[in-house]
Protein backbone atom coordinates (compact mmCIF):
# COMPACT_ATOMS: atom_id res chain seq x y z
CA UNK A 1 17.94 -22.73 12.71
CA UNK A 2 15.22 -23.59 10.38
CA UNK A 3 15.87 -23.67 6.49
CA UNK A 4 13.72 -22.95 3.62
CA UNK A 5 12.48 -25.92 1.17
CA UNK A 6 15.74 -24.80 -0.91
CA UNK A 7 18.37 -25.44 1.94
CA UNK A 8 18.55 -21.81 2.91
CA UNK A 9 18.63 -20.59 6.04
CA UNK A 10 15.66 -18.48 6.44
CA UNK A 11 16.15 -17.09 9.79
CA UNK A 12 17.83 -14.92 10.84
CA UNK A 13 20.26 -12.40 9.38
CA UNK A 14 21.97 -11.19 12.99
CA UNK A 15 25.95 -10.94 11.91
CA UNK A 16 24.98 -10.29 8.45
CA UNK A 17 24.63 -6.84 6.54
CA UNK A 18 20.79 -5.26 7.04
CA UNK A 19 19.15 -4.23 4.43
CA UNK A 20 19.04 -0.70 4.70
CA UNK A 21 23.01 -0.92 4.80
CA UNK A 22 22.48 -3.41 1.42
CA UNK A 23 20.00 -0.33 -0.40
CA UNK A 24 22.09 2.61 0.64
CA UNK A 25 25.65 0.98 0.20
CA UNK A 26 25.26 -1.98 -1.54
CA UNK A 27 28.12 -4.74 -1.17
CA UNK A 28 30.44 -6.52 -4.41
CA UNK A 29 28.26 -9.52 -3.83
CA UNK A 30 24.57 -7.39 -4.50
CA UNK A 31 26.16 -6.11 -7.65
CA UNK A 32 27.74 -9.68 -8.98
CA UNK A 33 23.79 -10.76 -9.23
CA UNK A 34 22.76 -8.04 -11.60
CA UNK A 35 24.10 -7.66 -14.95
CA UNK A 36 25.81 -5.79 -16.63
CA UNK A 37 25.88 -5.14 -12.42
CA UNK A 38 27.19 -1.49 -12.38
CA UNK A 39 24.54 0.08 -15.32
CA UNK A 40 21.67 -1.87 -13.37
CA UNK A 41 22.23 -1.44 -10.08
CA UNK A 42 22.95 2.64 -11.03
CA UNK A 43 19.80 2.76 -12.52
CA UNK A 44 17.63 1.13 -9.77
CA UNK A 45 19.22 3.14 -6.99
CA UNK A 46 18.86 6.70 -8.96
CA UNK A 47 15.50 5.31 -9.65
CA UNK A 48 14.42 4.38 -5.87
CA UNK A 49 16.13 7.78 -5.24
CA UNK A 50 14.07 10.30 -7.49
CA UNK A 51 10.81 8.49 -6.32
CA UNK A 52 12.45 9.35 -2.29
CA UNK A 53 13.50 12.92 -3.30
CA UNK A 54 9.54 12.71 -5.07
CA UNK A 55 8.02 12.15 -1.59
CA UNK A 56 10.46 14.53 0.41
CA UNK A 57 9.69 17.39 -2.04
CA UNK A 58 5.76 17.15 -2.39
CA UNK A 59 6.08 17.39 1.84
CA UNK A 60 7.96 20.08 1.54
CA UNK A 61 6.29 22.34 -1.12
CA UNK A 62 2.73 21.69 0.99
CA UNK A 63 3.94 22.74 4.20
CA UNK A 64 3.92 19.64 5.65
CA UNK A 65 7.15 19.11 7.12
CA UNK A 66 7.31 22.71 7.89
CA UNK A 67 3.77 23.40 9.91
CA UNK A 68 4.55 22.04 13.48
CA UNK A 69 4.94 18.52 13.35
CA UNK A 70 1.94 16.19 14.33
CA UNK A 71 3.21 13.54 16.63
CA UNK A 72 2.54 10.45 15.07
CA UNK A 73 0.44 8.18 17.51
CA UNK A 74 0.27 4.77 18.26
CA UNK A 75 -2.79 4.23 15.84
CA UNK A 76 -1.53 5.98 12.67
CA UNK A 77 1.25 3.03 13.02
CA UNK A 78 -1.21 0.53 12.87
CA UNK A 79 -0.39 -0.27 9.03
CA UNK A 80 3.47 -1.08 9.83
CA UNK A 81 4.28 -4.56 9.90
CA UNK A 82 7.35 -5.35 11.04
CA UNK A 83 10.17 -8.40 10.65
CA UNK A 84 12.51 -8.46 13.00
CA UNK A 85 14.52 -11.00 11.75
CA UNK A 86 15.38 -9.41 8.07
CA UNK A 87 14.89 -5.77 9.63
CA UNK A 88 11.95 -4.54 7.96
CA UNK A 89 9.00 -2.14 8.26
CA UNK A 90 6.44 -2.96 5.91
CA UNK A 91 3.50 -0.30 5.36
CA UNK A 92 0.97 -1.63 4.02
CA UNK A 93 -2.21 -0.24 1.40
CA UNK A 94 -5.41 -2.49 0.79
CA UNK A 95 -5.38 -2.41 -3.04
CA UNK A 96 -1.98 -2.51 -3.85
CA UNK A 97 -0.71 -6.02 -3.52
CA UNK A 98 -1.50 -6.21 -0.09
CA UNK A 99 -2.50 -9.82 0.65
CA UNK A 100 0.72 -10.92 -1.77
CA UNK A 101 2.92 -9.04 0.96
CA UNK A 102 0.99 -10.00 3.90
CA UNK A 103 2.19 -13.48 3.04
CA UNK A 104 5.19 -12.23 2.11
CA UNK A 105 5.44 -11.00 5.61
CA UNK A 106 4.59 -13.76 6.79
CA UNK A 107 6.92 -16.18 5.50
CA UNK A 108 9.41 -13.98 6.38
CA UNK A 109 8.46 -13.84 10.11
CA UNK A 110 7.01 -17.53 10.61
CA UNK A 111 10.61 -18.59 11.01
CA UNK A 112 10.28 -21.58 8.90
CA UNK A 113 6.35 -22.54 9.21
CA UNK A 114 5.91 -21.14 6.05
CA UNK A 115 7.73 -21.22 2.54
CA UNK A 116 5.51 -20.79 -0.14
CA UNK A 117 3.43 -17.76 0.05
CA UNK A 118 0.88 -18.89 -1.87
CA UNK A 119 0.28 -22.21 0.50
CA UNK A 120 -1.20 -19.80 2.85
CA UNK A 121 -4.69 -18.75 2.32
CA UNK A 122 -6.31 -15.16 1.38
CA UNK A 123 -8.47 -14.76 4.83
CA UNK A 124 -5.35 -16.12 6.56
CA UNK A 125 -2.40 -13.20 5.24
CA UNK A 126 -5.42 -10.20 6.50
CA UNK A 127 -5.80 -12.23 10.78
CA UNK A 128 -4.36 -9.09 12.35
CA UNK A 129 -2.68 -11.63 15.07
CA UNK A 130 -0.69 -13.43 12.69
CA UNK A 131 1.78 -10.38 11.96
CA UNK A 132 3.52 -7.49 14.23
CA UNK A 133 2.67 -3.95 13.50
CA UNK A 134 4.62 -1.24 14.79
CA UNK A 135 1.94 0.04 17.20
CA UNK A 136 2.37 -2.62 19.41
CA UNK A 137 5.89 -1.72 21.14
CA UNK A 138 7.00 0.73 23.17
CA UNK A 139 8.13 4.28 22.33
CA UNK A 140 11.85 3.58 21.98
CA UNK A 141 11.38 0.78 20.52
CA UNK A 142 8.96 2.40 17.85
CA UNK A 143 11.98 4.65 17.14
CA UNK A 144 14.62 2.03 17.12
CA UNK A 145 13.15 0.17 14.16
CA UNK A 146 11.95 3.42 12.24
CA UNK A 147 16.01 4.39 12.53
CA UNK A 148 17.49 1.23 12.02
CA UNK A 149 14.95 -0.82 9.61
CA UNK A 150 14.43 -0.38 6.08
CA UNK A 151 10.90 0.65 5.37
CA UNK A 152 8.88 0.21 2.03
CA UNK A 153 5.26 0.68 1.16
CA UNK A 154 3.46 -0.04 -2.99
CA UNK A 155 1.80 2.53 -4.02
CA UNK A 156 -1.08 2.19 -7.78
CA UNK A 157 -2.53 5.19 -9.44
CA UNK A 158 -4.88 7.12 -7.11
CA UNK A 159 -7.88 6.42 -9.18
CA UNK A 160 -7.84 2.92 -10.17
CA UNK A 161 -7.00 2.03 -6.68
CA UNK A 162 -10.27 3.81 -5.91
CA UNK A 163 -11.99 1.91 -8.62
CA UNK A 164 -10.50 -1.39 -7.58
CA UNK A 165 -11.97 -0.89 -3.85
CA UNK A 166 -15.75 -0.10 -5.12
CA UNK A 167 -15.79 -3.17 -7.33
CA UNK A 168 -14.35 -5.41 -4.96
CA UNK A 169 -16.60 -4.28 -1.98
CA UNK A 170 -19.83 -2.72 -3.54
CA UNK A 171 -20.25 -5.38 -6.78
CA UNK A 172 -19.37 -8.41 -5.24
CA UNK A 173 -22.85 -9.98 -3.62
CA UNK A 174 -20.54 -11.89 -1.09
CA UNK A 175 -19.21 -8.61 0.18
CA UNK A 176 -22.29 -7.95 2.85
CA UNK A 177 -20.80 -6.69 5.67
CA UNK A 178 -19.51 -3.35 3.56
CA UNK A 179 -22.90 -3.06 2.50
CA UNK A 180 -24.54 -2.92 5.29
CA UNK A 181 -21.39 -0.47 7.02
CA UNK A 182 -21.45 1.17 3.87
CA UNK A 183 -23.63 0.73 0.80
CA UNK A 184 -26.78 1.04 2.97
CA UNK A 185 -25.12 4.92 4.44
CA UNK A 186 -24.01 5.88 0.81
CA UNK A 187 -27.71 5.04 -0.55
CA UNK A 188 -28.93 6.91 2.13
CA UNK A 189 -26.84 10.12 1.79
CA UNK A 190 -26.72 9.47 -1.58
CA UNK A 191 -29.94 8.39 -3.41
CA UNK A 192 -32.98 9.77 -3.71
CA UNK A 193 -36.40 7.97 -3.51
CA UNK A 194 -34.28 4.75 -2.78
CA UNK A 195 -36.37 1.51 -2.12
CA UNK A 196 -36.97 0.12 0.88
CA UNK A 197 -35.02 -3.04 -0.14
CA UNK A 198 -31.82 -1.12 -0.96
CA UNK A 199 -31.90 0.84 2.51
CA UNK A 200 -32.08 -2.33 3.99
CA UNK A 201 -29.02 -3.94 1.69
CA UNK A 202 -26.84 -1.49 0.39
CA UNK A 203 -25.87 -4.18 -2.15
CA UNK A 204 -26.04 -1.44 -4.73
CA UNK A 205 -24.42 0.80 -5.07
CA UNK A 206 -23.46 3.12 -7.67
CA UNK A 207 -19.64 4.47 -8.47
CA UNK A 208 -21.36 7.79 -9.06
CA UNK A 209 -23.17 7.55 -6.24
CA UNK A 210 -19.70 6.41 -3.96
CA UNK A 211 -18.10 8.95 -5.32
CA UNK A 212 -20.23 11.15 -4.08
CA UNK A 213 -20.28 9.92 -0.25
CA UNK A 214 -16.55 10.10 -0.85
CA UNK A 215 -16.48 14.46 -1.07
CA UNK A 216 -19.17 15.21 1.19
CA UNK A 217 -17.52 17.28 3.88
CA UNK A 218 -19.80 14.96 6.34
CA UNK A 219 -18.18 12.23 5.00
CA UNK A 220 -14.91 12.84 6.25
CA UNK A 221 -15.98 15.03 9.30
CA UNK A 222 -17.86 11.89 10.72
CA UNK A 223 -15.58 9.13 10.83
CA UNK A 224 -11.90 8.45 8.87
CA UNK A 225 -12.25 6.78 5.51
CA UNK A 226 -12.17 3.46 5.44
CA UNK A 227 -8.88 1.90 4.39
CA UNK A 228 -9.73 0.48 1.46
CA UNK A 229 -10.25 4.09 0.07
CA UNK A 230 -7.75 6.02 2.29
CA UNK A 231 -5.32 8.16 0.78
CA UNK A 232 -1.35 6.86 1.30
CA UNK A 233 -1.10 9.85 2.86
CA UNK A 234 -2.91 9.30 5.67
CA UNK A 235 -2.41 5.19 5.72
CA UNK A 236 1.51 5.39 6.26
CA UNK A 237 2.18 8.97 6.92
CA UNK A 238 5.49 9.61 4.02
CA UNK A 239 6.02 13.01 5.84
CA UNK A 240 6.54 11.85 9.03
CA UNK A 241 8.27 8.49 8.32
CA UNK A 242 11.26 8.35 5.86
CA UNK A 243 10.43 5.43 3.72
CA UNK A 244 13.19 4.16 2.18
CA UNK A 245 11.89 2.08 -0.99
CA UNK A 246 8.72 3.18 -2.80
CA UNK A 247 7.57 0.56 -4.27
CA UNK A 248 4.70 0.51 -7.18
CA UNK A 249 1.53 -1.89 -8.74
CA UNK A 250 3.15 -0.65 -12.51
CA UNK A 251 6.53 -2.49 -11.21
CA UNK A 252 4.92 -4.87 -8.37
CA UNK A 253 7.16 -7.47 -9.91
CA UNK A 254 10.81 -6.13 -9.88
CA UNK A 255 10.24 -3.63 -7.25
CA UNK A 256 9.28 -6.34 -4.54
CA UNK A 257 12.08 -8.86 -6.08
CA UNK A 258 14.42 -6.07 -5.40
CA UNK A 259 13.21 -5.17 -1.57
CA UNK A 260 13.42 -9.59 -1.18
CA UNK A 261 17.41 -8.80 -2.44
CA UNK A 262 18.10 -6.14 -0.03
CA UNK A 263 16.53 -8.28 2.79
CA UNK A 264 18.99 -11.34 1.76
CA UNK A 265 16.36 -13.77 0.91
CA UNK A 266 15.84 -12.80 -2.85
CA UNK A 267 17.72 -16.12 -3.74
CA UNK A 268 14.88 -18.64 -2.89
CA UNK A 269 12.04 -16.52 -2.39
CA UNK A 270 10.25 -14.31 -4.90
CA UNK A 271 6.96 -12.15 -5.06
CA UNK A 272 4.48 -14.62 -6.19
CA UNK A 273 3.39 -14.07 -10.02
CA UNK A 274 -0.52 -14.96 -11.51
CA UNK A 275 -2.40 -12.82 -14.11
CA UNK A 276 -5.13 -12.15 -12.26
CA UNK A 277 -8.04 -11.64 -15.10
CA UNK A 278 -10.54 -9.55 -12.61
CA UNK A 279 -7.86 -6.68 -12.11
CA UNK A 280 -9.11 -3.40 -12.43
CA UNK A 281 -6.96 -1.92 -15.38
CA UNK A 282 -6.82 2.12 -16.80
CA UNK A 283 -9.17 1.19 -19.20
CA UNK A 284 -11.48 -0.05 -16.61
CA UNK A 285 -10.98 3.21 -14.21
CA UNK A 286 -11.31 5.92 -17.53
CA UNK A 287 -14.86 3.58 -18.18
CA UNK A 288 -16.20 4.05 -14.48
CA UNK A 289 -15.17 8.15 -14.37
CA UNK A 290 -17.64 8.63 -18.12
CA UNK A 291 -20.36 9.39 -15.52
CA UNK A 292 -19.01 11.64 -13.03
CA UNK A 293 -19.61 15.56 -13.78
CA UNK A 294 -16.26 17.67 -13.65
CA UNK A 295 -17.45 19.26 -10.41
CA UNK A 296 -17.15 15.77 -8.33
CA UNK A 297 -13.87 14.59 -10.48
CA UNK A 298 -12.35 17.89 -9.31
CA UNK A 299 -13.34 17.60 -6.05
CA UNK A 300 -12.46 14.18 -6.13
CA UNK A 301 -8.74 14.96 -7.52
CA UNK A 302 -8.70 17.07 -4.61
CA UNK A 303 -9.26 14.70 -2.19
CA UNK A 304 -6.18 12.74 -3.38
CA UNK A 305 -4.04 15.02 -4.78
CA UNK A 306 -1.69 14.76 -2.42
CA UNK A 307 -1.39 10.76 -3.79
CA UNK A 308 -0.83 12.20 -7.16
CA UNK A 309 1.70 14.63 -6.41
CA UNK A 310 3.27 12.31 -4.17
CA UNK A 311 4.39 9.10 -5.70
CA UNK A 312 4.65 11.31 -9.84
CA UNK A 313 1.10 10.04 -10.87
CA UNK A 314 0.01 12.37 -13.24
CA UNK A 315 -3.57 13.57 -13.40
CA UNK A 316 -5.16 11.08 -15.72
CA UNK A 317 -5.99 12.65 -19.71
CA UNK A 318 -10.04 10.87 -19.07
CA UNK A 319 -10.26 13.73 -15.75
CA UNK A 320 -12.34 17.42 -17.37
CA UNK A 321 -11.39 19.04 -14.05
CA UNK A 322 -12.88 22.80 -13.67
């Protein structure tokens, strides 16, 4: 049995209660961790129940559940990271703190190999071999884990996430693979009289061109969106997979530490906190949308509408919807 640097067993939870049991039927020990215990825990429980209900209600209202049920394929499950030792399944959504959550999952599944998530380089957190995903299991194993593990994801205001993806992938000079793969295509389709250099490099995509590319019906017919701007609905399939906990970027630290507490590791493992000066804010997002026509804003909202509704994000005040 390996131990954390705090002298606490980091593996495994055999014989103890699962996170799922702790979430839906908390022990007295869990209640004693919060103060005032009953009030705070009940508030947290009510909040997360409301978030779960919002997802279910949206799925029903949009007839996603009642339609002929689509069978999920292994490819649909590649974003669901599995932690066998703590019985957790985490659906990662790019641009919603997924680097830090992957770091945490590496600590949780590493059986003592890692202790401090921030010592894990960001690029290492994104190496697929470092974490096991649900699509790597057999059908019976998948069904067992979906039924008995605690499933969670983190979401973010959809347009703030979109601007964050644009800024990271199209305005940073080092992201040449995205410039070549997507930038050149976007410029070729959306820019009249593009220079040969722009068509070759694809490194100066304007936000307006990015939006035009996203709403172009040809884009989605051609191939699925890249994961950095794909909808949460399409990445994590919340109408087909029942998520026990929906965390939010706006309450990231609080929600993350609640997950860790339920997993029984909250006493020695915390979500990494640091002020990121380059973080995409609501004000920044408002600015990016200033030059987008109301027609394009309306079409873009339609693309991400389910994410807005499902995770209870209101229509942004800066939008000029038709």
